[in-house]
């Protein structure tokens, strides 16, 4: 998570992580490629985004094959919309 999310305190962080886990509002508009790797939600008037990035095993470059767990490290980031 970003410093902005963490600065809102442990209860906020817990709600944010629970919201990411429960997120299932994927539509053609917000997930046209059906990758389920980005979402948006609000908590207490704060708009948040989460996204998953796919890196190679060295964590230096994008993964050549994001579908291959042996070749890919997935990184989840939870951020305030203003931090995007």
N, C-alpha and C. Protein backbone atom coordinates (compact mmCIF):
# COMPACT_ATOMS: atom_id res chain seq x y z
N UNK A 1 0.84 -1.17 0.00
CA UNK A 1 0.00 0.00 0.00
C UNK A 1 0.88 1.23 0.00
N UNK A 2 0.29 2.31 -0.43
CA UNK A 2 1.04 3.55 -0.48
C UNK A 2 1.08 4.21 0.90
N UNK A 3 1.97 5.16 1.04
CA UNK A 3 2.09 5.90 2.30
C UNK A 3 0.80 6.66 2.60
N UNK A 4 0.12 7.14 1.55
CA UNK A 4 -1.13 7.86 1.76
C UNK A 4 -2.21 7.01 2.40
N UNK A 5 -2.32 5.76 1.98
CA UNK A 5 -3.30 4.84 2.57
C UNK A 5 -2.88 4.52 4.00
N UNK A 6 -1.63 4.19 4.20
CA UNK A 6 -1.15 3.84 5.53
C UNK A 6 -1.33 4.98 6.53
N UNK A 7 -1.19 6.21 6.07
CA UNK A 7 -1.31 7.37 6.95
C UNK A 7 -2.72 7.55 7.51
N UNK A 8 -3.70 6.92 6.89
CA UNK A 8 -5.08 7.04 7.37
C UNK A 8 -5.40 6.11 8.53
N UNK A 9 -4.42 5.33 8.95
CA UNK A 9 -4.56 4.54 10.17
C UNK A 9 -4.92 3.08 9.94
N UNK A 10 -4.69 2.28 10.99
CA UNK A 10 -4.86 0.83 10.86
C UNK A 10 -6.30 0.39 10.59
N UNK A 11 -7.28 1.09 11.13
CA UNK A 11 -8.67 0.70 10.84
C UNK A 11 -9.02 0.96 9.39
N UNK A 12 -8.54 2.09 8.85
CA UNK A 12 -8.77 2.40 7.44
C UNK A 12 -8.08 1.37 6.57
N UNK A 13 -6.84 1.03 6.90
CA UNK A 13 -6.08 0.03 6.13
C UNK A 13 -6.82 -1.30 6.13
N UNK A 14 -7.32 -1.71 7.28
CA UNK A 14 -8.04 -2.98 7.37
C UNK A 14 -9.28 -2.96 6.48
N UNK A 15 -10.02 -1.85 6.47
CA UNK A 15 -11.20 -1.74 5.61
C UNK A 15 -10.79 -1.75 4.13
N UNK A 16 -9.70 -1.08 3.81
CA UNK A 16 -9.25 -1.04 2.42
C UNK A 16 -8.87 -2.44 1.94
N UNK A 17 -8.12 -3.17 2.74
CA UNK A 17 -7.73 -4.52 2.34
C UNK A 17 -8.93 -5.45 2.23
N UNK A 18 -9.89 -5.31 3.14
CA UNK A 18 -11.12 -6.11 3.05
C UNK A 18 -11.89 -5.77 1.77
N UNK A 19 -11.89 -4.51 1.40
CA UNK A 19 -12.58 -4.09 0.17
C UNK A 19 -11.92 -4.66 -1.07
N UNK A 20 -10.60 -4.71 -1.07
CA UNK A 20 -9.88 -5.32 -2.20
C UNK A 20 -10.23 -6.80 -2.30
N UNK A 21 -10.19 -7.49 -1.16
CA UNK A 21 -10.49 -8.93 -1.16
C UNK A 21 -11.90 -9.21 -1.67
N UNK A 22 -12.84 -8.34 -1.33
CA UNK A 22 -14.25 -8.57 -1.67
C UNK A 22 -14.63 -8.00 -3.04
N UNK A 23 -13.73 -7.28 -3.69
CA UNK A 23 -14.07 -6.58 -4.93
C UNK A 23 -14.49 -7.57 -6.01
N UNK A 24 -15.66 -7.32 -6.60
CA UNK A 24 -16.14 -8.16 -7.71
C UNK A 24 -16.97 -7.35 -8.69
N UNK A 25 -16.72 -6.06 -8.75
CA UNK A 25 -17.51 -5.17 -9.59
C UNK A 25 -16.88 -4.97 -10.97
N UNK A 26 -16.42 -6.04 -11.57
CA UNK A 26 -15.81 -5.95 -12.89
C UNK A 26 -16.89 -5.86 -13.96
N UNK A 27 -16.72 -4.91 -14.86
CA UNK A 27 -17.66 -4.72 -15.96
C UNK A 27 -16.86 -4.58 -17.26
N UNK A 28 -17.58 -4.56 -18.36
CA UNK A 28 -16.94 -4.34 -19.66
C UNK A 28 -16.26 -2.97 -19.70
N UNK A 29 -16.83 -2.00 -19.01
CA UNK A 29 -16.25 -0.65 -19.01
C UNK A 29 -14.97 -0.56 -18.20
N UNK A 30 -14.94 -1.18 -17.00
CA UNK A 30 -13.75 -1.03 -16.16
C UNK A 30 -12.77 -2.19 -16.27
N UNK A 31 -13.13 -3.22 -17.02
CA UNK A 31 -12.24 -4.38 -17.20
C UNK A 31 -12.42 -4.96 -18.60
N UNK A 32 -12.15 -4.16 -19.64
CA UNK A 32 -12.45 -4.61 -21.01
C UNK A 32 -11.65 -5.84 -21.45
N UNK A 33 -10.49 -6.07 -20.85
CA UNK A 33 -9.68 -7.23 -21.24
C UNK A 33 -9.90 -8.43 -20.32
N UNK A 34 -10.80 -8.27 -19.36
CA UNK A 34 -11.15 -9.33 -18.40
C UNK A 34 -9.94 -9.86 -17.64
N UNK A 35 -9.05 -8.94 -17.28
CA UNK A 35 -7.85 -9.33 -16.54
C UNK A 35 -8.04 -9.24 -15.02
N UNK A 36 -9.06 -8.53 -14.58
CA UNK A 36 -9.34 -8.39 -13.15
C UNK A 36 -8.10 -7.93 -12.39
N UNK A 37 -7.39 -6.95 -12.93
CA UNK A 37 -6.16 -6.49 -12.30
C UNK A 37 -6.21 -5.02 -11.87
N UNK A 38 -7.41 -4.45 -11.81
CA UNK A 38 -7.58 -3.07 -11.38
C UNK A 38 -8.98 -2.91 -10.83
N UNK A 39 -9.11 -2.12 -9.77
CA UNK A 39 -10.42 -1.84 -9.22
C UNK A 39 -10.43 -0.51 -8.51
N UNK A 40 -11.62 0.04 -8.31
CA UNK A 40 -11.80 1.30 -7.61
C UNK A 40 -12.95 1.15 -6.62
N UNK A 41 -12.81 1.81 -5.48
CA UNK A 41 -13.84 1.77 -4.45
C UNK A 41 -13.65 2.99 -3.55
N UNK A 42 -14.61 3.24 -2.67
CA UNK A 42 -14.53 4.37 -1.74
C UNK A 42 -14.72 3.89 -0.31
N UNK A 43 -14.01 4.55 0.58
CA UNK A 43 -14.17 4.33 2.02
C UNK A 43 -14.18 5.70 2.68
N UNK A 44 -15.22 5.98 3.45
CA UNK A 44 -15.34 7.25 4.18
C UNK A 44 -15.05 8.46 3.29
N UNK A 45 -15.57 8.44 2.08
CA UNK A 45 -15.41 9.55 1.18
C UNK A 45 -14.08 9.60 0.44
N UNK A 46 -13.20 8.65 0.72
CA UNK A 46 -11.91 8.58 0.04
C UNK A 46 -12.00 7.59 -1.11
N UNK A 47 -11.66 8.02 -2.30
CA UNK A 47 -11.62 7.13 -3.47
C UNK A 47 -10.27 6.42 -3.48
N UNK A 48 -10.30 5.09 -3.63
CA UNK A 48 -9.09 4.28 -3.69
C UNK A 48 -9.06 3.45 -4.95
N UNK A 49 -7.86 3.14 -5.39
CA UNK A 49 -7.63 2.21 -6.49
C UNK A 49 -6.77 1.07 -5.98
N UNK A 50 -6.93 -0.08 -6.60
CA UNK A 50 -5.96 -1.17 -6.41
C UNK A 50 -5.59 -1.66 -7.80
N UNK A 51 -4.37 -2.11 -7.93
CA UNK A 51 -3.92 -2.64 -9.22
C UNK A 51 -2.88 -3.72 -8.99
N UNK A 52 -2.82 -4.61 -9.94
CA UNK A 52 -1.82 -5.68 -9.92
C UNK A 52 -0.88 -5.46 -11.10
N UNK A 53 0.40 -5.46 -10.82
CA UNK A 53 1.43 -5.39 -11.86
C UNK A 53 2.15 -6.73 -11.93
N UNK A 54 2.67 -7.04 -13.10
CA UNK A 54 3.30 -8.33 -13.35
C UNK A 54 4.76 -8.13 -13.72
N UNK A 55 5.66 -8.59 -12.86
CA UNK A 55 7.09 -8.41 -13.06
C UNK A 55 7.78 -9.73 -13.33
N UNK A 56 8.97 -9.64 -13.91
CA UNK A 56 9.79 -10.83 -14.05
C UNK A 56 10.32 -11.22 -12.66
N UNK A 57 10.99 -12.36 -12.58
CA UNK A 57 11.46 -12.85 -11.28
C UNK A 57 12.47 -11.92 -10.62
N UNK A 58 13.17 -11.11 -11.39
CA UNK A 58 14.14 -10.18 -10.81
C UNK A 58 13.46 -8.90 -10.31
N UNK A 59 12.17 -8.74 -10.60
CA UNK A 59 11.40 -7.55 -10.21
C UNK A 59 11.94 -6.27 -10.87
N UNK A 60 12.60 -6.44 -12.03
CA UNK A 60 13.16 -5.28 -12.73
C UNK A 60 12.35 -4.91 -13.96
N UNK A 61 11.73 -5.88 -14.59
CA UNK A 61 11.03 -5.66 -15.86
C UNK A 61 9.65 -6.29 -15.80
N UNK A 62 8.83 -5.92 -16.77
CA UNK A 62 7.55 -6.58 -16.88
C UNK A 62 7.72 -8.04 -17.27
N UNK A 63 6.84 -8.88 -16.77
CA UNK A 63 6.91 -10.30 -17.08
C UNK A 63 6.61 -10.54 -18.55
N UNK A 64 7.39 -11.41 -19.16
CA UNK A 64 7.12 -11.77 -20.56
C UNK A 64 5.87 -12.64 -20.68
N UNK A 65 5.54 -13.36 -19.60
CA UNK A 65 4.36 -14.23 -19.62
C UNK A 65 3.65 -14.13 -18.27
N UNK A 66 2.80 -13.11 -18.10
CA UNK A 66 2.12 -12.92 -16.81
C UNK A 66 1.29 -14.11 -16.34
N UNK A 67 0.92 -15.01 -17.25
CA UNK A 67 0.12 -16.18 -16.88
C UNK A 67 0.97 -17.28 -16.23
N UNK A 68 2.27 -17.19 -16.38
CA UNK A 68 3.16 -18.23 -15.86
C UNK A 68 3.66 -17.84 -14.47
N UNK A 69 3.16 -18.51 -13.42
CA UNK A 69 3.58 -18.16 -12.06
C UNK A 69 5.06 -18.43 -11.79
N UNK A 70 5.68 -19.29 -12.57
CA UNK A 70 7.11 -19.56 -12.41
C UNK A 70 7.97 -18.41 -12.95
N UNK A 71 7.40 -17.61 -13.84
CA UNK A 71 8.14 -16.53 -14.48
C UNK A 71 7.69 -15.15 -14.02
N UNK A 72 6.71 -15.11 -13.13
CA UNK A 72 6.07 -13.84 -12.81
C UNK A 72 5.95 -13.61 -11.31
N UNK A 73 6.26 -12.40 -10.90
CA UNK A 73 5.96 -11.92 -9.54
C UNK A 73 4.83 -10.92 -9.68
N UNK A 74 3.75 -11.18 -9.00
CA UNK A 74 2.62 -10.25 -9.03
C UNK A 74 2.72 -9.32 -7.83
N UNK A 75 2.48 -8.04 -8.08
CA UNK A 75 2.55 -7.03 -7.02
C UNK A 75 1.22 -6.29 -6.98
N UNK A 76 0.58 -6.33 -5.83
CA UNK A 76 -0.67 -5.62 -5.60
C UNK A 76 -0.36 -4.30 -4.91
N UNK A 77 -0.90 -3.21 -5.45
CA UNK A 77 -0.74 -1.89 -4.83
C UNK A 77 -2.13 -1.33 -4.54
N UNK A 78 -2.32 -0.86 -3.31
CA UNK A 78 -3.54 -0.18 -2.91
C UNK A 78 -3.16 1.27 -2.69
N UNK A 79 -3.89 2.20 -3.35
CA UNK A 79 -3.50 3.60 -3.29
C UNK A 79 -4.73 4.51 -3.26
N UNK A 80 -4.53 5.71 -2.77
CA UNK A 80 -5.55 6.73 -2.90
C UNK A 80 -5.61 7.15 -4.36
N UNK A 81 -6.78 7.46 -4.85
CA UNK A 81 -6.91 7.85 -6.26
C UNK A 81 -6.00 9.02 -6.59
N UNK A 82 -5.84 9.94 -5.66
CA UNK A 82 -4.99 11.11 -5.90
C UNK A 82 -3.51 10.75 -6.03
N UNK A 83 -3.14 9.53 -5.62
CA UNK A 83 -1.74 9.10 -5.73
C UNK A 83 -1.45 8.39 -7.04
N UNK A 84 -2.47 8.15 -7.85
CA UNK A 84 -2.28 7.42 -9.10
C UNK A 84 -1.56 8.25 -10.12
